[in-house]
Structures are given as C-alpha cells and as structure tokens.
C-alpha cells in the first residue's frame, strides 16, 4: 500500500513525538500542528534512517549567530603575519 501526503505547517510550531512500539503496533512518529497531524508507523530501523537524514541536513546548516571559526582563525593568522612584516 502506498500513500503520498503533504504537510505544510505554514510557520506554526510543530510538536514532534514518538510513541514506543508495543506488541500490537510499531513505533508511531507524530508531527502535529494546531490544525493537522500526521502519524508515521515506523520500525526502529526506519526511525534511525530518518534521524540520520535529519542530522545530515542539520549539520549542513550554518547558523548566523555561530561565528565561523575558520574565518576567525584566518583573520588572526593574517593579522599576525602583517604584524611580523611591519
């Protein structure tokens, strides 16, 4: 069985939760807004794969409030070089 669904939060906050598996059902991952809810019945392996994909995406985000350590280091090195030349 296959299904395609779209979930657009339109900027609303999203509540995410996982209901652990039991003898009758796999774990359920829920994405909820004030008006909508999607429940995904997933195996532990599928949840792990989804977590990996989310983490890969998050690792690629550059947060503006986090200083770029490489740029800071390069600026300090360039300043030291200029001071040594002068």
C-alpha atoms as a PDB file:
ATOM      1  CA  UNK A   1       0.000   0.000   0.000  1.00  0.00           C
ATOM      2  CA  UNK A   2       1.350   3.446  -0.854  1.00  0.00           C
ATOM      3  CA  UNK A   3       0.296   6.938   0.019  1.00  0.00           C
ATOM      4  CA  UNK A   4       1.603  10.418  -0.645  1.00  0.00           C
ATOM      5  CA  UNK A   5       0.895  13.236   1.771  1.00  0.00           C
ATOM      6  CA  UNK A   6       1.970  16.832   2.142  1.00  0.00           C
ATOM      7  CA  UNK A   7       2.320  18.580   5.475  1.00  0.00           C
ATOM      8  CA  UNK A   8       2.756  22.359   5.465  1.00  0.00           C
ATOM      9  CA  UNK A   9       2.952  23.954   8.894  1.00  0.00           C
ATOM     10  CA  UNK A  10       2.661  27.497   7.466  1.00  0.00           C
ATOM     11  CA  UNK A  11       5.035  28.736  10.147  1.00  0.00           C
ATOM     12  CA  UNK A  12       3.090  27.204  13.034  1.00  0.00           C
ATOM     13  CA  UNK A  13       5.100  25.482  15.714  1.00  0.00           C
ATOM     14  CA  UNK A  14       5.349  21.729  15.292  1.00  0.00           C
ATOM     15  CA  UNK A  15       5.112  19.191  18.088  1.00  0.00           C
ATOM     16  CA  UNK A  16       7.015  16.014  17.308  1.00  0.00           C
ATOM     17  CA  UNK A  17       6.649  12.888  19.382  1.00  0.00           C
ATOM     18  CA  UNK A  18       7.333   9.183  19.309  1.00  0.00           C
ATOM     19  CA  UNK A  19       5.036   6.610  20.845  1.00  0.00           C
ATOM     20  CA  UNK A  20       7.112   3.495  21.579  1.00  0.00           C
ATOM     21  CA  UNK A  21       6.308   0.237  19.857  1.00  0.00           C
ATOM     22  CA  UNK A  22       4.291  -2.392  21.655  1.00  0.00           C
ATOM     23  CA  UNK A  23       3.167  -5.951  20.967  1.00  0.00           C
ATOM     24  CA  UNK A  24       0.480  -4.793  18.543  1.00  0.00           C
ATOM     25  CA  UNK A  25       1.974  -1.794  16.741  1.00  0.00           C
ATOM     26  CA  UNK A  26       5.327  -0.426  15.619  1.00  0.00           C
ATOM     27  CA  UNK A  27       6.523   2.895  16.988  1.00  0.00           C
ATOM     28  CA  UNK A  28       4.494   5.913  15.877  1.00  0.00           C
ATOM     29  CA  UNK A  29       6.206   9.192  14.974  1.00  0.00           C
ATOM     30  CA  UNK A  30       3.756  12.109  15.166  1.00  0.00           C
ATOM     31  CA  UNK A  31       4.056  15.556  13.642  1.00  0.00           C
ATOM     32  CA  UNK A  32       1.344  17.888  14.965  1.00  0.00           C
ATOM     33  CA  UNK A  33       0.293  21.479  14.477  1.00  0.00           C
ATOM     34  CA  UNK A  34      -2.756  23.168  15.921  1.00  0.00           C
ATOM     35  CA  UNK A  35      -4.857  22.027  12.957  1.00  0.00           C
ATOM     36  CA  UNK A  36      -3.150  18.948  11.495  1.00  0.00           C
ATOM     37  CA  UNK A  37      -1.467  15.710  12.494  1.00  0.00           C
ATOM     38  CA  UNK A  38       0.487  13.071  10.612  1.00  0.00           C
ATOM     39  CA  UNK A  39       1.323   9.743  12.256  1.00  0.00           C
ATOM     40  CA  UNK A  40       4.009   7.536  10.756  1.00  0.00           C
ATOM     41  CA  UNK A  41       4.076   3.888  11.852  1.00  0.00           C
ATOM     42  CA  UNK A  42       7.762   3.003  11.541  1.00  0.00           C
ATOM     43  CA  UNK A  43      10.217   0.319  12.545  1.00  0.00           C
ATOM     44  CA  UNK A  44      13.198   1.265  14.696  1.00  0.00           C
ATOM     45  CA  UNK A  45      15.428   0.972  11.625  1.00  0.00           C
ATOM     46  CA  UNK A  46      13.248   3.398   9.665  1.00  0.00           C
ATOM     47  CA  UNK A  47      13.294   5.890  12.557  1.00  0.00           C
ATOM     48  CA  UNK A  48      17.091   5.598  12.728  1.00  0.00           C
ATOM     49  CA  UNK A  49      17.345   6.240   8.982  1.00  0.00           C
ATOM     50  CA  UNK A  50      15.060   9.294   9.237  1.00  0.00           C
ATOM     51  CA  UNK A  51      17.096  10.601  12.191  1.00  0.00           C
ATOM     52  CA  UNK A  52      20.285  10.195  10.156  1.00  0.00           C
ATOM     53  CA  UNK A  53      18.796  12.183   7.260  1.00  0.00           C
ATOM     54  CA  UNK A  54      17.583  14.951   9.601  1.00  0.00           C
ATOM     55  CA  UNK A  55      21.005  15.145  11.273  1.00  0.00           C
ATOM     56  CA  UNK A  56      22.789  15.302   7.910  1.00  0.00           C
ATOM     57  CA  UNK A  57      20.580  18.225   6.943  1.00  0.00           C
ATOM     58  CA  UNK A  58      21.098  20.000  10.271  1.00  0.00           C
ATOM     59  CA  UNK A  59      24.868  19.540  10.076  1.00  0.00           C
ATOM     60  CA  UNK A  60      24.832  21.434   6.782  1.00  0.00           C
ATOM     61  CA  UNK A  61      23.051  24.498   8.163  1.00  0.00           C
ATOM     62  CA  UNK A  62      25.204  27.486   9.035  1.00  0.00           C
ATOM     63  CA  UNK A  63      23.635  29.371  11.890  1.00  0.00           C
ATOM     64  CA  UNK A  64      24.218  33.136  11.625  1.00  0.00           C
ATOM     65  CA  UNK A  65      24.702  33.545  15.380  1.00  0.00           C
ATOM     66  CA  UNK A  66      27.531  30.984  15.382  1.00  0.00           C
ATOM     67  CA  UNK A  67      30.847  32.599  14.451  1.00  0.00           C
ATOM     68  CA  UNK A  68      32.762  30.942  11.653  1.00  0.00           C
ATOM     69  CA  UNK A  69      35.787  29.582  13.483  1.00  0.00           C
ATOM     70  CA  UNK A  70      37.820  29.188  10.296  1.00  0.00           C
ATOM     71  CA  UNK A  71      37.286  32.852   9.373  1.00  0.00           C
ATOM     72  CA  UNK A  72      38.327  33.945  12.878  1.00  0.00           C
ATOM     73  CA  UNK A  73      41.451  31.797  12.704  1.00  0.00           C
ATOM     74  CA  UNK A  74      42.347  33.117   9.228  1.00  0.00           C
ATOM     75  CA  UNK A  75      41.907  36.730  10.396  1.00  0.00           C
ATOM     76  CA  UNK A  76      44.158  36.122  13.414  1.00  0.00           C
ATOM     77  CA  UNK A  77      46.828  34.475  11.233  1.00  0.00           C
ATOM     78  CA  UNK A  78      46.691  37.299   8.674  1.00  0.00           C
ATOM     79  CA  UNK A  79      46.980  39.884  11.447  1.00  0.00           C
ATOM     80  CA  UNK A  80      49.991  38.077  12.927  1.00  0.00           C
ATOM     81  CA  UNK A  81      51.650  37.918   9.503  1.00  0.00           C
ATOM     82  CA  UNK A  82      51.042  41.626   8.906  1.00  0.00           C
ATOM     83  CA  UNK A  83      52.464  42.499  12.359  1.00  0.00           C
ATOM     84  CA  UNK A  84      55.534  40.354  11.715  1.00  0.00           C
ATOM     85  CA  UNK A  85      56.150  42.053   8.352  1.00  0.00           C
ATOM     86  CA  UNK A  86      55.713  45.582   9.764  1.00  0.00           C
END
